[in-house]
Amino acid sequence: MRGVIRGLGVALLVGGLCVLGWVGWQYFGTGIASNQQMDQAENALRNQWKAPAVPTTAEPAAGKPFELLRIPKFGADWVKPIVEGVTADDLARGIGHYPQTQLPGQPGNFAIAGHRVTHGSPFRHLLDLGKGDQIIVETQNATYTYELDGSPRDLTVNASQTWVLDPVPGKRTTPTRSLITLTTCQDLFHSPDRSVAFGHLVKVSKKS
């Protein structure tokens, strides 16, 4: 009987260590790997942009970085690549662009998503943003500056509430302005709820 109890204790201990190891990898290991990928993507984009600028008529390739995101409130050095797509693999490589939404500068809704925890946690402090904070999107040909209309603390939706991705969120009308939507997990642990912030384009700076 003592042997059985001892064996059960060892099994529970090993199981607990495995769980702790998995949690540690999710919260720390994935961050290291994702931050490396994001840095590499940023450098690759900047090198690619050194070539002569061309009109961006083609749609972004799925799973590939195609723009850079800056949020001044997060610090002068905070820059993350924007990847086309919002699958788990896409979000592990940067901020994801919802493919069914518009691109920066186009009339309609440019919607993006990012992790608050794991995989580099690029949107960890997203809920600290408020009305008037700037969101800057850089492409090869231009820089687009958006201004938030409110804080993501003020709006929580279920993942099934896709109206936030509509060309004009919450309205069935033809878009006339360039908008932006940012989404992230409402909780620091796995949750179907999403915190959402909306904004509008205030400035476009063309690159020479």
N, C-alpha and C. Protein backbone atom coordinates (compact mmCIF):
# COMPACT_ATOMS: atom_id res chain seq x y z
N MET A 1 0.83 -1.22 0.00
CA MET A 1 0.00 0.00 0.00
C MET A 1 0.87 1.26 0.00
N ARG A 2 1.96 1.22 0.83
CA ARG A 2 2.83 2.38 0.85
C ARG A 2 3.45 2.65 -0.51
N GLY A 3 3.77 1.55 -1.20
CA GLY A 3 4.34 1.69 -2.54
C GLY A 3 3.37 2.34 -3.51
N VAL A 4 2.10 1.95 -3.41
CA VAL A 4 1.07 2.53 -4.27
C VAL A 4 0.92 4.02 -4.00
N ILE A 5 0.87 4.38 -2.70
CA ILE A 5 0.72 5.79 -2.32
C ILE A 5 1.93 6.60 -2.79
N ARG A 6 3.13 5.99 -2.58
CA ARG A 6 4.34 6.68 -3.01
C ARG A 6 4.34 6.88 -4.53
N GLY A 7 3.92 5.84 -5.26
CA GLY A 7 3.86 5.95 -6.71
C GLY A 7 2.86 7.00 -7.17
N LEU A 8 1.72 7.06 -6.47
CA LEU A 8 0.71 8.06 -6.81
C LEU A 8 1.24 9.46 -6.54
N GLY A 9 1.96 9.62 -5.44
CA GLY A 9 2.53 10.93 -5.11
C GLY A 9 3.53 11.39 -6.16
N VAL A 10 4.38 10.45 -6.60
CA VAL A 10 5.36 10.78 -7.63
C VAL A 10 4.66 11.18 -8.93
N ALA A 11 3.60 10.43 -9.28
CA ALA A 11 2.86 10.73 -10.51
C ALA A 11 2.23 12.12 -10.45
N LEU A 12 1.65 12.45 -9.28
CA LEU A 12 1.05 13.77 -9.12
C LEU A 12 2.10 14.86 -9.19
N LEU A 13 3.25 14.60 -8.60
CA LEU A 13 4.33 15.59 -8.63
C LEU A 13 4.81 15.83 -10.05
N VAL A 14 5.02 14.74 -10.78
CA VAL A 14 5.47 14.86 -12.17
C VAL A 14 4.41 15.59 -13.01
N GLY A 15 3.12 15.23 -12.78
CA GLY A 15 2.04 15.90 -13.51
C GLY A 15 2.00 17.39 -13.21
N GLY A 16 2.19 17.74 -11.93
CA GLY A 16 2.20 19.15 -11.56
C GLY A 16 3.34 19.90 -12.20
N LEU A 17 4.52 19.29 -12.24
CA LEU A 17 5.67 19.92 -12.87
C LEU A 17 5.44 20.12 -14.37
N CYS A 18 4.78 19.13 -14.99
CA CYS A 18 4.50 19.25 -16.42
C CYS A 18 3.54 20.42 -16.68
N VAL A 19 2.52 20.54 -15.82
CA VAL A 19 1.57 21.65 -15.97
C VAL A 19 2.28 22.98 -15.79
N LEU A 20 3.12 23.08 -14.74
CA LEU A 20 3.87 24.32 -14.51
C LEU A 20 4.79 24.63 -15.68
N GLY A 21 5.41 23.58 -16.24
CA GLY A 21 6.28 23.79 -17.40
C GLY A 21 5.50 24.31 -18.60
N TRP A 22 4.31 23.75 -18.82
CA TRP A 22 3.47 24.21 -19.94
C TRP A 22 3.04 25.64 -19.74
N VAL A 23 2.62 25.99 -18.52
CA VAL A 23 2.21 27.36 -18.23
C VAL A 23 3.39 28.31 -18.41
N GLY A 24 4.56 27.90 -17.93
CA GLY A 24 5.75 28.74 -18.09
C GLY A 24 6.09 28.97 -19.55
N TRP A 25 5.95 27.93 -20.37
CA TRP A 25 6.23 28.09 -21.80
C TRP A 25 5.22 29.03 -22.44
N GLN A 26 3.94 28.87 -22.09
CA GLN A 26 2.91 29.71 -22.67
C GLN A 26 3.14 31.18 -22.35
N TYR A 27 3.51 31.47 -21.11
CA TYR A 27 3.60 32.85 -20.68
C TYR A 27 4.98 33.47 -20.90
N PHE A 28 6.02 32.65 -20.99
CA PHE A 28 7.36 33.20 -21.15
C PHE A 28 8.05 32.70 -22.42
N GLY A 29 8.01 31.39 -22.63
CA GLY A 29 8.70 30.83 -23.79
C GLY A 29 8.14 31.33 -25.11
N THR A 30 6.79 31.36 -25.23
CA THR A 30 6.20 31.85 -26.48
C THR A 30 6.54 33.31 -26.71
N GLY A 31 6.70 34.07 -25.61
CA GLY A 31 7.04 35.49 -25.75
C GLY A 31 8.41 35.68 -26.37
N ILE A 32 9.37 34.88 -25.94
CA ILE A 32 10.72 34.98 -26.49
C ILE A 32 10.71 34.66 -27.97
N ALA A 33 10.07 33.55 -28.33
CA ALA A 33 10.03 33.13 -29.74
C ALA A 33 9.30 34.16 -30.60
N SER A 34 8.14 34.65 -30.11
CA SER A 34 7.36 35.60 -30.90
C SER A 34 8.06 36.93 -31.05
N ASN A 35 8.71 37.41 -29.99
CA ASN A 35 9.42 38.69 -30.09
C ASN A 35 10.56 38.60 -31.10
N GLN A 36 11.22 37.46 -31.16
CA GLN A 36 12.27 37.27 -32.16
C GLN A 36 11.69 37.34 -33.58
N GLN A 37 10.55 36.66 -33.77
CA GLN A 37 9.90 36.68 -35.08
C GLN A 37 9.44 38.09 -35.46
N MET A 38 8.91 38.83 -34.49
CA MET A 38 8.44 40.18 -34.77
C MET A 38 9.60 41.10 -35.15
N ASP A 39 10.71 40.98 -34.43
CA ASP A 39 11.89 41.79 -34.75
C ASP A 39 12.40 41.47 -36.15
N GLN A 40 12.44 40.19 -36.49
CA GLN A 40 12.90 39.79 -37.82
C GLN A 40 11.96 40.31 -38.90
N ALA A 41 10.65 40.27 -38.64
CA ALA A 41 9.67 40.75 -39.61
C ALA A 41 9.80 42.25 -39.81
N GLU A 42 10.01 42.99 -38.72
CA GLU A 42 10.18 44.44 -38.84
C GLU A 42 11.40 44.78 -39.68
N ASN A 43 12.52 44.11 -39.41
CA ASN A 43 13.74 44.37 -40.17
C ASN A 43 13.57 44.00 -41.64
N ALA A 44 12.88 42.87 -41.90
CA ALA A 44 12.67 42.45 -43.27
C ALA A 44 11.81 43.46 -44.03
N LEU A 45 10.77 43.98 -43.38
CA LEU A 45 9.92 44.97 -44.02
C LEU A 45 10.69 46.25 -44.34
N ARG A 46 11.47 46.71 -43.39
CA ARG A 46 12.22 47.95 -43.61
C ARG A 46 13.22 47.79 -44.75
N ASN A 47 13.85 46.63 -44.84
CA ASN A 47 14.77 46.37 -45.95
C ASN A 47 14.02 46.31 -47.28
N GLN A 48 12.85 45.69 -47.25
CA GLN A 48 12.02 45.60 -48.46
C GLN A 48 11.59 46.99 -48.92
N TRP A 49 11.29 47.87 -47.98
CA TRP A 49 10.80 49.21 -48.31
C TRP A 49 11.90 50.14 -48.84
N LYS A 50 13.15 49.72 -48.71
CA LYS A 50 14.24 50.54 -49.24
C LYS A 50 14.22 50.55 -50.77
N ALA A 51 13.53 49.57 -51.35
CA ALA A 51 13.38 49.55 -52.80
C ALA A 51 12.44 50.68 -53.21
N PRO A 52 12.47 51.11 -54.48
CA PRO A 52 11.57 52.18 -54.91
C PRO A 52 10.12 51.86 -54.59
N ALA A 53 9.41 52.85 -54.06
CA ALA A 53 8.01 52.66 -53.68
C ALA A 53 7.16 52.40 -54.92
N VAL A 54 6.21 51.49 -54.76
CA VAL A 54 5.30 51.16 -55.86
C VAL A 54 3.87 51.24 -55.35
N PRO A 55 2.90 51.48 -56.23
CA PRO A 55 1.50 51.52 -55.78
C PRO A 55 1.09 50.19 -55.14
N THR A 56 0.42 50.24 -54.01
CA THR A 56 0.02 49.02 -53.30
C THR A 56 -1.37 48.58 -53.74
N THR A 57 -1.42 48.01 -54.94
CA THR A 57 -2.70 47.57 -55.48
C THR A 57 -3.02 46.12 -55.12
N ALA A 58 -1.98 45.33 -54.86
CA ALA A 58 -2.18 43.93 -54.56
C ALA A 58 -2.63 43.74 -53.12
N GLU A 59 -3.44 42.70 -52.90
CA GLU A 59 -3.87 42.38 -51.55
C GLU A 59 -2.70 41.76 -50.78
N PRO A 60 -2.62 42.00 -49.48
CA PRO A 60 -1.56 41.40 -48.67
C PRO A 60 -1.62 39.88 -48.73
N ALA A 61 -0.47 39.24 -48.69
CA ALA A 61 -0.42 37.78 -48.71
C ALA A 61 -0.74 37.23 -47.33
N ALA A 62 -1.56 36.19 -47.28
CA ALA A 62 -1.98 35.59 -46.01
C ALA A 62 -0.77 35.16 -45.20
N GLY A 63 -0.77 35.53 -43.93
CA GLY A 63 0.29 35.11 -43.02
C GLY A 63 1.57 35.91 -43.12
N LYS A 64 1.61 36.93 -43.97
CA LYS A 64 2.83 37.69 -44.18
C LYS A 64 2.72 39.09 -43.57
N PRO A 65 3.82 39.60 -43.00
CA PRO A 65 3.81 40.98 -42.50
C PRO A 65 3.81 41.96 -43.67
N PHE A 66 3.04 43.03 -43.56
CA PHE A 66 2.98 43.99 -44.67
C PHE A 66 2.94 45.44 -44.21
N GLU A 67 2.80 45.69 -42.91
CA GLU A 67 2.78 47.04 -42.37
C GLU A 67 3.39 47.03 -40.97
N LEU A 68 3.65 48.22 -40.43
CA LEU A 68 4.15 48.33 -39.08
C LEU A 68 3.19 49.16 -38.24
N LEU A 69 3.06 48.78 -36.98
CA LEU A 69 2.16 49.48 -36.06
C LEU A 69 2.98 50.14 -34.96
N ARG A 70 2.68 51.40 -34.69
CA ARG A 70 3.31 52.12 -33.58
C ARG A 70 2.20 52.73 -32.71
N ILE A 71 2.38 52.62 -31.41
CA ILE A 71 1.46 53.24 -30.45
C ILE A 71 2.32 54.09 -29.52
N PRO A 72 2.38 55.40 -29.75
CA PRO A 72 3.29 56.27 -29.00
C PRO A 72 3.18 56.13 -27.49
N LYS A 73 1.98 55.88 -26.97
CA LYS A 73 1.81 55.78 -25.52
C LYS A 73 2.57 54.59 -24.95
N PHE A 74 2.90 53.60 -25.77
CA PHE A 74 3.63 52.43 -25.31
C PHE A 74 5.14 52.65 -25.33
N GLY A 75 5.59 53.82 -25.78
CA GLY A 75 7.01 54.11 -25.81
C GLY A 75 7.52 54.36 -27.22
N ALA A 76 8.58 55.14 -27.30
CA ALA A 76 9.12 55.54 -28.60
C ALA A 76 9.66 54.35 -29.40
N ASP A 77 10.08 53.30 -28.71
CA ASP A 77 10.67 52.14 -29.40
C ASP A 77 9.66 51.03 -29.68
N TRP A 78 8.39 51.25 -29.31
CA TRP A 78 7.39 50.18 -29.50
C TRP A 78 6.94 50.15 -30.95
N VAL A 79 7.32 49.10 -31.66
CA VAL A 79 6.95 48.90 -33.06
C VAL A 79 6.66 47.41 -33.25
N LYS A 80 5.54 47.10 -33.89
CA LYS A 80 5.18 45.70 -34.14
C LYS A 80 4.74 45.53 -35.59
N PRO A 81 5.08 44.39 -36.21
CA PRO A 81 4.60 44.13 -37.57
C PRO A 81 3.12 43.77 -37.58
N ILE A 82 2.44 44.16 -38.63
CA ILE A 82 1.05 43.75 -38.84
C ILE A 82 1.05 42.64 -39.89
N VAL A 83 0.45 41.51 -39.53
CA VAL A 83 0.43 40.32 -40.37
C VAL A 83 -0.98 40.15 -40.94
N GLU A 84 -1.06 39.70 -42.18
CA GLU A 84 -2.37 39.46 -42.80
C GLU A 84 -2.97 38.16 -42.26
N GLY A 85 -4.03 38.29 -41.46
CA GLY A 85 -4.70 37.13 -40.91
C GLY A 85 -4.74 37.16 -39.39
N VAL A 86 -5.69 36.42 -38.82
CA VAL A 86 -5.83 36.40 -37.36
C VAL A 86 -5.90 34.97 -36.82
N THR A 87 -5.27 34.03 -37.52
CA THR A 87 -5.18 32.68 -36.99
C THR A 87 -4.18 32.67 -35.84
N ALA A 88 -4.14 31.54 -35.12
CA ALA A 88 -3.19 31.43 -34.01
C ALA A 88 -1.76 31.63 -34.49
N ASP A 89 -1.42 31.07 -35.65
CA ASP A 89 -0.07 31.24 -36.19
C ASP A 89 0.20 32.70 -36.55
N ASP A 90 -0.79 33.37 -37.13
CA ASP A 90 -0.61 34.78 -37.50
C ASP A 90 -0.35 35.63 -36.27
N LEU A 91 -1.16 35.44 -35.23
CA LEU A 91 -1.03 36.26 -34.02
C LEU A 91 0.23 35.95 -33.23
N ALA A 92 0.86 34.82 -33.51
CA ALA A 92 2.14 34.51 -32.88
C ALA A 92 3.28 35.27 -33.53
N ARG A 93 3.01 35.84 -34.72
CA ARG A 93 4.06 36.56 -35.46
C ARG A 93 3.88 38.07 -35.44
N GLY A 94 2.81 38.55 -34.82
CA GLY A 94 2.60 40.00 -34.77
C GLY A 94 1.15 40.36 -34.52
N ILE A 95 0.80 41.58 -34.91
CA ILE A 95 -0.58 42.04 -34.84
C ILE A 95 -1.29 41.52 -36.08
N GLY A 96 -2.49 40.95 -35.91
CA GLY A 96 -3.20 40.38 -37.05
C GLY A 96 -4.21 41.34 -37.64
N HIS A 97 -4.26 41.38 -38.98
CA HIS A 97 -5.27 42.17 -39.70
C HIS A 97 -6.40 41.25 -40.12
N TYR A 98 -7.64 41.62 -39.76
CA TYR A 98 -8.80 40.84 -40.19
C TYR A 98 -8.93 40.98 -41.72
N PRO A 99 -8.76 39.88 -42.46
CA PRO A 99 -8.72 39.98 -43.93
C PRO A 99 -9.96 40.56 -44.57
N GLN A 100 -11.13 40.41 -43.94
CA GLN A 100 -12.36 40.91 -44.55
C GLN A 100 -12.54 42.41 -44.36
N THR A 101 -11.62 43.05 -43.63
CA THR A 101 -11.75 44.49 -43.39
C THR A 101 -10.82 45.27 -44.31
N GLN A 102 -11.00 46.59 -44.31
CA GLN A 102 -10.28 47.45 -45.24
C GLN A 102 -8.82 47.63 -44.84
N LEU A 103 -8.07 48.27 -45.74
CA LEU A 103 -6.68 48.60 -45.49
C LEU A 103 -6.58 50.07 -45.06
N PRO A 104 -5.47 50.47 -44.47
CA PRO A 104 -5.33 51.86 -44.00
C PRO A 104 -5.58 52.86 -45.13
N GLY A 105 -6.30 53.92 -44.80
CA GLY A 105 -6.58 54.98 -45.76
C GLY A 105 -7.80 54.75 -46.61
N GLN A 106 -8.28 53.50 -46.69
CA GLN A 106 -9.47 53.21 -47.47
C GLN A 106 -10.73 53.57 -46.68
N PRO A 107 -11.80 53.98 -47.34
CA PRO A 107 -13.06 54.18 -46.62
C PRO A 107 -13.51 52.87 -46.00
N GLY A 108 -13.82 52.91 -44.73
CA GLY A 108 -14.23 51.69 -44.05
C GLY A 108 -13.38 51.41 -42.83
N ASN A 109 -13.38 50.16 -42.41
CA ASN A 109 -12.84 49.77 -41.12
C ASN A 109 -11.59 48.92 -41.26
N PHE A 110 -10.47 49.44 -40.82
CA PHE A 110 -9.21 48.69 -40.76
C PHE A 110 -9.14 48.07 -39.37
N ALA A 111 -9.38 46.75 -39.28
CA ALA A 111 -9.50 46.09 -37.97
C ALA A 111 -8.33 45.16 -37.72
N ILE A 112 -7.78 45.24 -36.50
CA ILE A 112 -6.60 44.45 -36.14
C ILE A 112 -6.80 43.82 -34.76
N ALA A 113 -6.02 42.77 -34.49
CA ALA A 113 -6.12 42.05 -33.22
C ALA A 113 -4.72 41.70 -32.73
N GLY A 114 -4.59 41.58 -31.40
CA GLY A 114 -3.31 41.20 -30.82
C GLY A 114 -3.50 40.55 -29.47
N HIS A 115 -2.50 39.77 -29.05
CA HIS A 115 -2.55 39.08 -27.76
C HIS A 115 -2.28 40.05 -26.61
N ARG A 116 -2.99 39.84 -25.49
CA ARG A 116 -2.65 40.53 -24.25
C ARG A 116 -1.66 39.72 -23.42
N VAL A 117 -1.72 38.40 -23.56
CA VAL A 117 -0.78 37.51 -22.88
C VAL A 117 -0.30 36.47 -23.88
N THR A 118 0.87 35.91 -23.62
CA THR A 118 1.55 34.92 -24.47
C THR A 118 1.95 35.52 -25.82
N HIS A 119 2.84 34.87 -26.50
CA HIS A 119 3.29 35.23 -27.83
C HIS A 119 3.72 36.71 -27.92
N GLY A 120 4.49 37.13 -26.93
CA GLY A 120 5.02 38.48 -26.95
C GLY A 120 4.10 39.51 -26.32
N SER A 121 2.84 39.17 -26.11
CA SER A 121 1.86 40.07 -25.46
C SER A 121 1.90 41.49 -26.02
N PRO A 122 1.80 41.66 -27.36
CA PRO A 122 1.93 43.01 -27.93
C PRO A 122 0.85 43.98 -27.46
N PHE A 123 -0.34 43.46 -27.14
CA PHE A 123 -1.44 44.33 -26.69
C PHE A 123 -1.67 44.22 -25.18
N ARG A 124 -0.62 43.88 -24.44
CA ARG A 124 -0.76 43.70 -22.99
C ARG A 124 -1.33 44.95 -22.32
N HIS A 125 -0.93 46.13 -22.78
CA HIS A 125 -1.35 47.38 -22.15
C HIS A 125 -2.40 48.12 -22.97
N LEU A 126 -3.09 47.39 -23.85
CA LEU A 126 -4.06 48.06 -24.71
C LEU A 126 -5.17 48.74 -23.91
N LEU A 127 -5.56 48.13 -22.80
CA LEU A 127 -6.65 48.70 -22.01
C LEU A 127 -6.25 49.98 -21.28
N ASP A 128 -4.96 50.32 -21.32
CA ASP A 128 -4.50 51.59 -20.73
C ASP A 128 -4.76 52.77 -21.67
N LEU A 129 -5.08 52.48 -22.94
CA LEU A 129 -5.31 53.55 -23.90
C LEU A 129 -6.66 54.21 -23.66
N GLY A 130 -6.77 55.47 -24.08
CA GLY A 130 -8.02 56.20 -23.91
C GLY A 130 -8.29 57.10 -25.09
N LYS A 131 -9.37 57.81 -25.01
CA LYS A 131 -9.80 58.71 -26.07
C LYS A 131 -8.68 59.71 -26.40
N GLY A 132 -8.41 59.86 -27.69
CA GLY A 132 -7.40 60.80 -28.13
C GLY A 132 -6.02 60.21 -28.34
N ASP A 133 -5.76 59.00 -27.82
CA ASP A 133 -4.46 58.37 -28.03
C ASP A 133 -4.28 58.00 -29.50
N GLN A 134 -3.05 58.10 -29.96
CA GLN A 134 -2.77 57.87 -31.38
C GLN A 134 -2.37 56.42 -31.66
N ILE A 135 -2.80 55.96 -32.82
CA ILE A 135 -2.41 54.66 -33.37
C ILE A 135 -1.82 54.95 -34.75
N ILE A 136 -0.58 54.59 -34.97
CA ILE A 136 0.12 54.94 -36.22
C ILE A 136 0.42 53.68 -37.02
N VAL A 137 0.00 53.67 -38.26
CA VAL A 137 0.24 52.54 -39.16
C VAL A 137 1.16 53.02 -40.28
N GLU A 138 2.28 52.33 -40.44
CA GLU A 138 3.26 52.70 -41.46
C GLU A 138 3.28 51.67 -42.58
N THR A 139 3.15 52.14 -43.81
CA THR A 139 3.27 51.28 -44.98
C THR A 139 4.49 51.73 -45.78
N GLN A 140 4.73 51.08 -46.90
CA GLN A 140 5.88 51.47 -47.71
C GLN A 140 5.73 52.87 -48.26
N ASN A 141 4.49 53.27 -48.54
CA ASN A 141 4.28 54.54 -49.23
C ASN A 141 3.77 55.68 -48.35
N ALA A 142 3.27 55.36 -47.17
CA ALA A 142 2.66 56.41 -46.35
C ALA A 142 2.58 56.00 -44.89
N THR A 143 2.33 57.00 -44.05
CA THR A 143 2.09 56.78 -42.62
C THR A 143 0.70 57.32 -42.28
N TYR A 144 -0.11 56.49 -41.65
CA TYR A 144 -1.49 56.84 -41.32
C TYR A 144 -1.62 56.99 -39.80
N THR A 145 -2.10 58.13 -39.37
CA THR A 145 -2.27 58.39 -37.94
C THR A 145 -3.76 58.40 -37.60
N TYR A 146 -4.14 57.51 -36.70
CA TYR A 146 -5.52 57.41 -36.23
C TYR A 146 -5.59 57.95 -34.80
N GLU A 147 -6.77 58.36 -34.41
CA GLU A 147 -7.01 58.83 -33.05
C GLU A 147 -8.18 58.04 -32.46
N LEU A 148 -7.99 57.51 -31.25
CA LEU A 148 -9.03 56.69 -30.64
C LEU A 148 -10.23 57.53 -30.21
N ASP A 149 -11.41 56.95 -30.39
CA ASP A 149 -12.66 57.60 -29.97
C ASP A 149 -13.02 57.25 -28.53
N GLY A 150 -12.36 56.26 -27.97
CA GLY A 150 -12.64 55.84 -26.60
C GLY A 150 -11.65 54.77 -26.18
N SER A 151 -11.79 54.27 -24.98
CA SER A 151 -10.89 53.26 -24.45
C SER A 151 -11.45 51.86 -24.65
N PRO A 152 -10.58 50.86 -24.91
CA PRO A 152 -11.05 49.48 -24.99
C PRO A 152 -11.58 48.96 -23.65
N ARG A 153 -11.32 49.69 -22.56
CA ARG A 153 -11.91 49.31 -21.27
C ARG A 153 -13.43 49.46 -21.29
N ASP A 154 -13.92 50.32 -22.18
CA ASP A 154 -15.33 50.70 -22.15
C ASP A 154 -16.24 49.82 -23.00
N LEU A 155 -15.65 48.91 -23.80
CA LEU A 155 -16.47 48.07 -24.66
C LEU A 155 -15.95 46.64 -24.65
N THR A 156 -16.80 45.72 -24.23
CA THR A 156 -16.48 44.30 -24.24
C THR A 156 -17.55 43.56 -25.02
N VAL A 157 -17.13 42.72 -25.96
CA VAL A 157 -18.06 41.94 -26.76
C VAL A 157 -17.64 40.49 -26.75
N ASN A 158 -18.58 39.61 -27.08
CA ASN A 158 -18.26 38.22 -27.28
C ASN A 158 -17.62 38.05 -28.65
N ALA A 159 -16.80 37.03 -28.78
CA ALA A 159 -16.10 36.80 -30.05
C ALA A 159 -17.05 36.62 -31.23
N SER A 160 -18.30 36.24 -30.95
CA SER A 160 -19.27 36.04 -32.03
C SER A 160 -19.90 37.36 -32.51
N GLN A 161 -19.68 38.44 -31.80
CA GLN A 161 -20.28 39.72 -32.16
C GLN A 161 -19.39 40.43 -33.18
N THR A 162 -19.53 40.01 -34.42
CA THR A 162 -18.65 40.49 -35.48
C THR A 162 -19.04 41.86 -36.04
N TRP A 163 -20.09 42.48 -35.49
CA TRP A 163 -20.48 43.80 -35.98
C TRP A 163 -19.37 44.82 -35.80
N VAL A 164 -18.45 44.55 -34.86
CA VAL A 164 -17.35 45.50 -34.63
C VAL A 164 -16.39 45.54 -35.81
N LEU A 165 -16.49 44.55 -36.71
CA LEU A 165 -15.63 44.49 -37.89
C LEU A 165 -16.32 45.05 -39.13
N ASP A 166 -17.57 45.47 -39.02
CA ASP A 166 -18.29 46.01 -40.17
C ASP A 166 -17.62 47.28 -40.69
N PRO A 167 -17.83 47.63 -41.97
CA PRO A 167 -17.23 48.84 -42.54
C PRO A 167 -17.50 50.10 -41.70
N VAL A 168 -18.72 50.19 -41.15
CA VAL A 168 -19.04 51.23 -40.17
C VAL A 168 -19.64 50.48 -38.98
N PRO A 169 -18.84 50.20 -37.94
CA PRO A 169 -19.31 49.37 -36.84
C PRO A 169 -20.63 49.85 -36.23
N GLY A 170 -21.58 48.93 -36.19
CA GLY A 170 -22.86 49.22 -35.58
C GLY A 170 -23.86 49.93 -36.48
N LYS A 171 -23.47 50.19 -37.74
CA LYS A 171 -24.38 50.90 -38.65
C LYS A 171 -24.36 50.23 -40.02
N ARG A 172 -25.53 50.14 -40.63
CA ARG A 172 -25.63 49.60 -41.99
C ARG A 172 -25.66 50.78 -42.96
N THR A 173 -24.48 51.26 -43.26
CA THR A 173 -24.37 52.41 -44.14
C THR A 173 -23.06 52.33 -44.90
N THR A 174 -22.98 53.05 -46.00
CA THR A 174 -21.76 53.07 -46.79
C THR A 174 -20.70 53.92 -46.10
N PRO A 175 -19.51 53.39 -45.91
CA PRO A 175 -18.48 54.16 -45.20
C PRO A 175 -17.99 55.35 -46.02
N THR A 176 -17.76 56.45 -45.35
CA THR A 176 -17.21 57.65 -45.99
C THR A 176 -15.90 58.07 -45.33
N ARG A 177 -15.57 57.46 -44.17
CA ARG A 177 -14.34 57.80 -43.46
C ARG A 177 -13.48 56.55 -43.29
N SER A 178 -12.20 56.79 -43.03
CA SER A 178 -11.28 55.70 -42.72
C SER A 178 -11.27 55.50 -41.21
N LEU A 179 -11.63 54.30 -40.79
CA LEU A 179 -11.74 53.97 -39.37
C LEU A 179 -10.74 52.89 -39.00
N ILE A 180 -10.55 52.72 -37.70
CA ILE A 180 -9.70 51.64 -37.20
C ILE A 180 -10.39 50.99 -36.01
N THR A 181 -10.23 49.66 -35.90
CA THR A 181 -10.75 48.91 -34.76
C THR A 181 -9.63 48.04 -34.20
N LEU A 182 -9.43 48.10 -32.90
CA LEU A 182 -8.43 47.28 -32.23
C LEU A 182 -9.15 46.32 -31.28
N THR A 183 -8.78 45.04 -31.33
CA THR A 183 -9.40 44.05 -30.47
C THR A 183 -8.33 43.24 -29.74
N THR A 184 -8.67 42.80 -28.53
CA THR A 184 -7.78 41.95 -27.75
C THR A 184 -8.60 41.20 -26.72
N CYS A 185 -7.99 40.22 -26.04
CA CYS A 185 -8.69 39.48 -25.01
C CYS A 185 -9.06 40.41 -23.86
N GLN A 186 -10.29 40.27 -23.37
CA GLN A 186 -10.74 41.12 -22.27
C GLN A 186 -10.06 40.72 -20.96
N ASP A 187 -9.77 39.43 -20.80
CA ASP A 187 -9.13 38.93 -19.58
C ASP A 187 -7.69 38.54 -19.87
N LEU A 188 -6.90 38.47 -18.80
CA LEU A 188 -5.52 38.04 -18.95
C LEU A 188 -5.41 36.52 -19.07
N PHE A 189 -6.52 35.81 -18.90
CA PHE A 189 -6.56 34.37 -19.13
C PHE A 189 -7.52 34.10 -20.29
N HIS A 190 -7.52 32.86 -20.77
CA HIS A 190 -8.33 32.53 -21.95
C HIS A 190 -9.79 32.90 -21.72
N SER A 191 -10.35 33.64 -22.67
CA SER A 191 -11.73 34.11 -22.53
C SER A 191 -12.29 34.36 -23.92
N PRO A 192 -13.60 34.12 -24.11
CA PRO A 192 -14.23 34.42 -25.40
C PRO A 192 -14.55 35.91 -25.56
N ASP A 193 -14.37 36.67 -24.50
CA ASP A 193 -14.70 38.09 -24.56
C ASP A 193 -13.55 38.90 -25.13
N ARG A 194 -13.91 39.97 -25.85
CA ARG A 194 -12.92 40.82 -26.49
C ARG A 194 -13.13 42.28 -26.08
N SER A 195 -12.04 42.94 -25.75
CA SER A 195 -12.08 44.37 -25.52
C SER A 195 -11.84 45.06 -26.86
N VAL A 196 -12.61 46.11 -27.12
CA VAL A 196 -12.61 46.73 -28.45
C VAL A 196 -12.49 48.24 -28.32
N ALA A 197 -11.69 48.84 -29.20
CA ALA A 197 -11.60 50.30 -29.28
C ALA A 197 -11.73 50.72 -30.74
N PHE A 198 -12.44 51.81 -30.98
CA PHE A 198 -12.61 52.36 -32.31
C PHE A 198 -11.85 53.68 -32.43
N GLY A 199 -11.46 54.00 -33.65
CA GLY A 199 -10.79 55.27 -33.90
C GLY A 199 -11.02 55.73 -35.32
N HIS A 200 -10.51 56.91 -35.64
CA HIS A 200 -10.70 57.46 -36.98
C HIS A 200 -9.39 58.09 -37.47
N LEU A 201 -9.23 58.13 -38.77
CA LEU A 201 -8.02 58.66 -39.39
C LEU A 201 -7.98 60.18 -39.26
N VAL A 202 -6.84 60.70 -38.80
CA VAL A 202 -6.71 62.14 -38.65
C VAL A 202 -5.59 62.74 -39.51
N LYS A 203 -4.68 61.88 -40.02
CA LYS A 203 -3.55 62.42 -40.78
C LYS A 203 -2.96 61.35 -41.67
N VAL A 204 -2.57 61.75 -42.86
CA VAL A 204 -1.86 60.87 -43.79
C VAL A 204 -0.60 61.60 -44.24
N SER A 205 0.56 60.95 -44.04
CA SER A 205 1.82 61.52 -44.47
C SER A 205 2.42 60.63 -45.55
N LYS A 206 2.48 61.15 -46.77
CA LYS A 206 3.05 60.40 -47.87
C LYS A 206 4.58 60.39 -47.76
N LYS A 207 5.17 59.25 -48.10
CA LYS A 207 6.64 59.15 -48.10
C LYS A 207 7.17 59.61 -49.46
N SER A 208 8.28 60.30 -49.39
CA SER A 208 8.87 60.78 -50.64
C SER A 208 9.69 59.67 -51.30
